[in-house]
Amino acid sequence: MLALKYLLITFGFGLFAVALALTAVDFSLLFQYRRSLAKGSTENLPIPRPVRWAWAAKICVVALLPMLLAQSIVVIPSGMAGVRVSQISGPLPGTLYPGAHFVKPLLEEVVLYDTREQIFTAGGEEEASSEEQTATPAKTTAKVKKNGILRRAKVCPSASPQRCAIVSTPTGWSSSITICRAI
């Protein structure tokens, strides 16, 4: 499906190039005719045709169709999920899982989110002995920016051989998640 999307984009750009080349050839013939007239040689000069603006405009309109069709194909990679966001009504219900999906071009876009399990370690480098670990004060708050969302993490003080972090979203600590990892 991704190959089809890139093929449609390439075809659209190719049609734009054809329209540009068509007008460039017509302008080239017109400039050659004017240059020959300026030199004074008027014998056997073919009268150039006018620039074909209508043809170039029609080709450009036809080139927009495969480009719009390519914009409607969205491929979500594995380990990610997507949410459709409408320009009119905001986020739409339903999650888009990995694979190919169709959306309404120019009306909807897809925002990708990472769905893989994340492990946040708090406290930096691991110390050599547990005495240094208990003597050194741990960080109380760490800030992590993931997918454009600023998340805060609090380190749980613990004397056990575990490190815990409470990760929350900017809405507050009520929806926090505790992540513990054995060292």
C-alpha atoms as a PDB file:
ATOM      1  CA  MET A   1       0.000   0.000   0.000  1.00  0.00           C
ATOM      2  CA  LEU A   2       2.923   2.290   0.716  1.00  0.00           C
ATOM      3  CA  ALA A   3       4.302   1.565  -2.771  1.00  0.00           C
ATOM      4  CA  LEU A   4       0.931   2.552  -4.263  1.00  0.00           C
ATOM      5  CA  LYS A   5       0.977   5.808  -2.292  1.00  0.00           C
ATOM      6  CA  TYR A   6       4.466   6.692  -3.545  1.00  0.00           C
ATOM      7  CA  LEU A   7       3.535   5.666  -7.084  1.00  0.00           C
ATOM      8  CA  LEU A   8       0.539   8.022  -7.033  1.00  0.00           C
ATOM      9  CA  ILE A   9       2.671  10.875  -5.691  1.00  0.00           C
ATOM     10  CA  THR A  10       5.300  10.259  -8.382  1.00  0.00           C
ATOM     11  CA  PHE A  11       2.612  10.155 -11.089  1.00  0.00           C
ATOM     12  CA  GLY A  12       1.150  13.450  -9.848  1.00  0.00           C
ATOM     13  CA  PHE A  13       4.548  15.169  -9.836  1.00  0.00           C
ATOM     14  CA  GLY A  14       5.201  13.722 -13.310  1.00  0.00           C
ATOM     15  CA  LEU A  15       2.015  15.301 -14.633  1.00  0.00           C
ATOM     16  CA  PHE A  16       3.012  18.640 -13.105  1.00  0.00           C
ATOM     17  CA  ALA A  17       6.388  18.310 -14.878  1.00  0.00           C
ATOM     18  CA  VAL A  18       4.611  17.607 -18.190  1.00  0.00           C
ATOM     19  CA  ALA A  19       2.483  20.742 -17.782  1.00  0.00           C
ATOM     20  CA  LEU A  20       5.578  22.789 -16.986  1.00  0.00           C
ATOM     21  CA  ALA A  21       7.469  21.317 -19.952  1.00  0.00           C
ATOM     22  CA  LEU A  22       4.532  22.054 -22.279  1.00  0.00           C
ATOM     23  CA  THR A  23       4.518  25.736 -21.390  1.00  0.00           C
ATOM     24  CA  ALA A  24       8.342  25.874 -21.440  1.00  0.00           C
ATOM     25  CA  VAL A  25       8.446  24.502 -25.023  1.00  0.00           C
ATOM     26  CA  ASP A  26       5.817  26.998 -26.158  1.00  0.00           C
ATOM     27  CA  PHE A  27       7.724  29.898 -24.566  1.00  0.00           C
ATOM     28  CA  SER A  28      10.968  28.657 -26.124  1.00  0.00           C
ATOM     29  CA  LEU A  29       9.424  28.639 -29.619  1.00  0.00           C
ATOM     30  CA  LEU A  30       7.972  32.094 -29.017  1.00  0.00           C
ATOM     31  CA  PHE A  31      11.345  33.507 -27.900  1.00  0.00           C
ATOM     32  CA  GLN A  32      13.127  31.945 -30.919  1.00  0.00           C
ATOM     33  CA  TYR A  33      10.563  33.561 -33.222  1.00  0.00           C
ATOM     34  CA  ARG A  34      11.018  36.969 -31.579  1.00  0.00           C
ATOM     35  CA  ARG A  35      14.821  36.632 -31.679  1.00  0.00           C
ATOM     36  CA  SER A  36      14.689  35.839 -35.400  1.00  0.00           C
ATOM     37  CA  LEU A  37      12.428  38.833 -36.005  1.00  0.00           C
ATOM     38  CA  ALA A  38      14.817  41.077 -34.085  1.00  0.00           C
ATOM     39  CA  LYS A  39      17.745  39.951 -36.278  1.00  0.00           C
ATOM     40  CA  GLY A  40      15.792  40.935 -39.363  1.00  0.00           C
ATOM     41  CA  SER A  41      15.397  37.558 -41.014  1.00  0.00           C
ATOM     42  CA  THR A  42      11.735  37.250 -41.916  1.00  0.00           C
ATOM     43  CA  GLU A  43      11.908  34.686 -44.673  1.00  0.00           C
ATOM     44  CA  ASN A  44      10.478  31.221 -44.028  1.00  0.00           C
ATOM     45  CA  LEU A  45       9.711  31.881 -40.347  1.00  0.00           C
ATOM     46  CA  PRO A  46       6.971  29.650 -38.998  1.00  0.00           C
ATOM     47  CA  ILE A  47       4.415  31.539 -36.965  1.00  0.00           C
ATOM     48  CA  PRO A  48       4.550  30.121 -33.444  1.00  0.00           C
ATOM     49  CA  ARG A  49       1.402  28.893 -31.842  1.00  0.00           C
ATOM     50  CA  PRO A  50       0.197  30.656 -28.699  1.00  0.00           C
ATOM     51  CA  VAL A  51       1.152  29.299 -25.290  1.00  0.00           C
ATOM     52  CA  ARG A  52      -1.159  26.415 -24.394  1.00  0.00           C
ATOM     53  CA  TRP A  53      -2.295  27.641 -20.976  1.00  0.00           C
ATOM     54  CA  ALA A  54      -5.588  25.731 -21.096  1.00  0.00           C
ATOM     55  CA  TRP A  55      -3.856  22.404 -21.720  1.00  0.00           C
ATOM     56  CA  ALA A  56      -1.371  23.056 -18.922  1.00  0.00           C
ATOM     57  CA  ALA A  57      -4.207  23.930 -16.517  1.00  0.00           C
ATOM     58  CA  LYS A  58      -6.117  20.759 -17.430  1.00  0.00           C
ATOM     59  CA  ILE A  59      -3.021  18.626 -16.872  1.00  0.00           C
ATOM     60  CA  CYS A  60      -2.477  20.283 -13.472  1.00  0.00           C
ATOM     61  CA  VAL A  61      -6.065  19.515 -12.441  1.00  0.00           C
ATOM     62  CA  VAL A  62      -5.604  15.891 -13.504  1.00  0.00           C
ATOM     63  CA  ALA A  63      -2.318  15.810 -11.519  1.00  0.00           C
ATOM     64  CA  LEU A  64      -4.159  16.837  -8.350  1.00  0.00           C
ATOM     65  CA  LEU A  65      -6.358  13.712  -8.418  1.00  0.00           C
ATOM     66  CA  PRO A  66      -3.614  11.111  -7.783  1.00  0.00           C
ATOM     67  CA  MET A  67      -2.016  13.454  -5.236  1.00  0.00           C
ATOM     68  CA  LEU A  68      -5.302  13.637  -3.283  1.00  0.00           C
ATOM     69  CA  LEU A  69      -5.744   9.884  -3.533  1.00  0.00           C
ATOM     70  CA  ALA A  70      -2.217   9.401  -2.183  1.00  0.00           C
ATOM     71  CA  GLN A  71      -3.012  11.727   0.733  1.00  0.00           C
ATOM     72  CA  SER A  72      -5.938   9.499   1.695  1.00  0.00           C
ATOM     73  CA  ILE A  73      -3.678   6.454   2.278  1.00  0.00           C
ATOM     74  CA  VAL A  74      -2.108   6.281   5.745  1.00  0.00           C
ATOM     75  CA  VAL A  75       0.247   3.494   6.785  1.00  0.00           C
ATOM     76  CA  ILE A  76       0.734   2.994  10.515  1.00  0.00           C
ATOM     77  CA  PRO A  77       3.986   1.178  11.399  1.00  0.00           C
ATOM     78  CA  SER A  78       4.128  -1.654  13.908  1.00  0.00           C
ATOM     79  CA  GLY A  79       4.491  -0.575  17.512  1.00  0.00           C
ATOM     80  CA  MET A  80       2.364   2.487  16.848  1.00  0.00           C
ATOM     81  CA  ALA A  81      -1.326   3.340  16.924  1.00  0.00           C
ATOM     82  CA  GLY A  82      -3.138   6.188  15.258  1.00  0.00           C
ATOM     83  CA  VAL A  83      -6.015   8.474  16.080  1.00  0.00           C
ATOM     84  CA  ARG A  84      -7.940  10.218  13.315  1.00  0.00           C
ATOM     85  CA  VAL A  85      -8.344  13.931  13.953  1.00  0.00           C
ATOM     86  CA  SER A  86     -10.983  15.736  11.923  1.00  0.00           C
ATOM     87  CA  GLN A  87     -10.523  19.383  10.955  1.00  0.00           C
ATOM     88  CA  ILE A  88     -14.221  19.921  11.684  1.00  0.00           C
ATOM     89  CA  SER A  89     -15.102  17.864  14.755  1.00  0.00           C
ATOM     90  CA  GLY A  90     -11.778  17.039  16.460  1.00  0.00           C
ATOM     91  CA  PRO A  91     -10.653  13.511  17.407  1.00  0.00           C
ATOM     92  CA  LEU A  92     -12.786  10.706  16.014  1.00  0.00           C
ATOM     93  CA  PRO A  93     -13.596   7.537  17.971  1.00  0.00           C
ATOM     94  CA  GLY A  94     -11.694   4.366  17.223  1.00  0.00           C
ATOM     95  CA  THR A  95      -8.045   3.491  17.177  1.00  0.00           C
ATOM     96  CA  LEU A  96      -6.158   2.782  13.969  1.00  0.00           C
ATOM     97  CA  TYR A  97      -3.877  -0.200  14.509  1.00  0.00           C
ATOM     98  CA  PRO A  98      -0.758  -1.021  12.446  1.00  0.00           C
ATOM     99  CA  GLY A  99      -1.455  -1.424   8.762  1.00  0.00           C
ATOM    100  CA  ALA A 100      -2.917   0.567   5.886  1.00  0.00           C
ATOM    101  CA  HIS A 101      -5.945   2.787   6.394  1.00  0.00           C
ATOM    102  CA  PHE A 102      -7.924   5.266   4.321  1.00  0.00           C
ATOM    103  CA  VAL A 103      -8.782   8.739   5.625  1.00  0.00           C
ATOM    104  CA  LYS A 104     -10.553  11.697   4.052  1.00  0.00           C
ATOM    105  CA  PRO A 105      -7.869  13.848   2.452  1.00  0.00           C
ATOM    106  CA  LEU A 106      -7.713  17.480   3.605  1.00  0.00           C
ATOM    107  CA  LEU A 107     -10.405  16.785   6.252  1.00  0.00           C
ATOM    108  CA  GLU A 108      -8.695  14.232   8.482  1.00  0.00           C
ATOM    109  CA  GLU A 109      -5.160  13.638   9.631  1.00  0.00           C
ATOM    110  CA  VAL A 110      -3.721  10.816  11.693  1.00  0.00           C
ATOM    111  CA  VAL A 111      -1.714  11.395  14.857  1.00  0.00           C
ATOM    112  CA  LEU A 112       0.639   8.516  15.704  1.00  0.00           C
ATOM    113  CA  TYR A 113       1.310   7.302  19.243  1.00  0.00           C
ATOM    114  CA  ASP A 114       3.913   4.825  20.414  1.00  0.00           C
ATOM    115  CA  THR A 115       2.299   1.717  21.962  1.00  0.00           C
ATOM    116  CA  ARG A 116       5.470  -0.093  22.969  1.00  0.00           C
ATOM    117  CA  GLU A 117       6.191  -0.590  26.647  1.00  0.00           C
ATOM    118  CA  GLN A 118       8.439   2.142  28.016  1.00  0.00           C
ATOM    119  CA  ILE A 119      10.721   1.799  31.036  1.00  0.00           C
ATOM    120  CA  PHE A 120      11.841   4.982  32.743  1.00  0.00           C
ATOM    121  CA  THR A 121      14.762   4.631  35.119  1.00  0.00           C
ATOM    122  CA  ALA A 122      15.059   7.337  37.705  1.00  0.00           C
ATOM    123  CA  GLY A 123      18.225   8.406  39.455  1.00  0.00           C
ATOM    124  CA  GLY A 124      20.801   8.369  36.656  1.00  0.00           C
ATOM    125  CA  GLU A 125      23.840   6.081  36.818  1.00  0.00           C
ATOM    126  CA  GLU A 126      23.809   3.167  39.227  1.00  0.00           C
ATOM    127  CA  GLU A 127      26.171   3.517  42.186  1.00  0.00           C
ATOM    128  CA  ALA A 128      28.696   0.864  43.132  1.00  0.00           C
ATOM    129  CA  SER A 129      27.438   0.118  46.635  1.00  0.00           C
ATOM    130  CA  SER A 130      24.089   0.285  48.375  1.00  0.00           C
ATOM    131  CA  GLU A 131      25.538   2.523  51.136  1.00  0.00           C
ATOM    132  CA  GLU A 132      26.241   5.253  48.592  1.00  0.00           C
ATOM    133  CA  GLN A 133      22.781   4.738  47.198  1.00  0.00           C
ATOM    134  CA  THR A 134      21.050   5.351  50.530  1.00  0.00           C
ATOM    135  CA  ALA A 135      23.356   8.251  51.411  1.00  0.00           C
ATOM    136  CA  THR A 136      22.834  10.067  48.112  1.00  0.00           C
ATOM    137  CA  PRO A 137      19.506  11.882  47.925  1.00  0.00           C
ATOM    138  CA  ALA A 138      17.516  10.746  44.903  1.00  0.00           C
ATOM    139  CA  LYS A 139      15.827  13.056  42.458  1.00  0.00           C
ATOM    140  CA  THR A 140      12.306  13.892  43.473  1.00  0.00           C
ATOM    141  CA  THR A 141      11.022  15.009  40.104  1.00  0.00           C
ATOM    142  CA  ALA A 142      12.171  14.257  36.575  1.00  0.00           C
ATOM    143  CA  LYS A 143      10.653  15.619  33.386  1.00  0.00           C
ATOM    144  CA  VAL A 144      10.385  13.437  30.300  1.00  0.00           C
ATOM    145  CA  LYS A 145       9.095  14.687  26.947  1.00  0.00           C
ATOM    146  CA  LYS A 146       7.562  11.908  24.820  1.00  0.00           C
ATOM    147  CA  ASN A 147       5.516  12.507  21.638  1.00  0.00           C
ATOM    148  CA  GLY A 148       5.247  16.196  22.422  1.00  0.00           C
ATOM    149  CA  ILE A 149       3.658  15.557  25.854  1.00  0.00           C
ATOM    150  CA  LEU A 150       5.555  16.672  28.930  1.00  0.00           C
ATOM    151  CA  ARG A 151       5.364  14.010  31.619  1.00  0.00           C
ATOM    152  CA  ARG A 152       6.540  14.306  35.204  1.00  0.00           C
ATOM    153  CA  ALA A 153       8.109  11.449  37.124  1.00  0.00           C
ATOM    154  CA  LYS A 154       8.596  11.220  40.887  1.00  0.00           C
ATOM    155  CA  VAL A 155      11.153   8.863  42.343  1.00  0.00           C
ATOM    156  CA  CYS A 156       9.835   6.681  45.158  1.00  0.00           C
ATOM    157  CA  PRO A 157      12.338   6.514  48.008  1.00  0.00           C
ATOM    158  CA  SER A 158      12.900   2.871  48.830  1.00  0.00           C
ATOM    159  CA  ALA A 159      15.584   0.973  50.677  1.00  0.00           C
ATOM    160  CA  SER A 160      14.819  -2.249  48.817  1.00  0.00           C
ATOM    161  CA  PRO A 161      16.843  -3.189  45.736  1.00  0.00           C
ATOM    162  CA  GLN A 162      14.202  -1.618  43.481  1.00  0.00           C
ATOM    163  CA  ARG A 163      13.735   1.739  41.925  1.00  0.00           C
ATOM    164  CA  CYS A 164      10.256   3.051  41.410  1.00  0.00           C
ATOM    165  CA  ALA A 165       8.989   6.013  39.497  1.00  0.00           C
ATOM    166  CA  ILE A 166       5.501   7.469  39.406  1.00  0.00           C
ATOM    167  CA  VAL A 167       4.788   8.806  35.936  1.00  0.00           C
ATOM    168  CA  SER A 168       1.881  11.119  35.332  1.00  0.00           C
ATOM    169  CA  THR A 169       0.421  13.184  32.572  1.00  0.00           C
ATOM    170  CA  PRO A 170       0.098  16.968  32.805  1.00  0.00           C
ATOM    171  CA  THR A 171      -3.466  16.569  34.116  1.00  0.00           C
ATOM    172  CA  GLY A 172      -2.251  15.651  37.598  1.00  0.00           C
ATOM    173  CA  TRP A 173      -1.001  12.853  39.799  1.00  0.00           C
ATOM    174  CA  SER A 174      -4.373  11.154  40.155  1.00  0.00           C
ATOM    175  CA  SER A 175      -3.883   9.212  36.925  1.00  0.00           C
ATOM    176  CA  SER A 176      -0.316   8.218  37.674  1.00  0.00           C
ATOM    177  CA  ILE A 177       1.331   4.888  36.957  1.00  0.00           C
ATOM    178  CA  THR A 178       3.954   3.304  39.200  1.00  0.00           C
ATOM    179  CA  ILE A 179       6.833   1.680  37.349  1.00  0.00           C
ATOM    180  CA  CYS A 180       9.168  -0.508  39.381  1.00  0.00           C
ATOM    181  CA  ARG A 181      12.251  -2.284  38.146  1.00  0.00           C
ATOM    182  CA  ALA A 182      14.601  -4.586  40.023  1.00  0.00           C
ATOM    183  CA  ILE A 183      18.266  -3.627  39.886  1.00  0.00           C
END
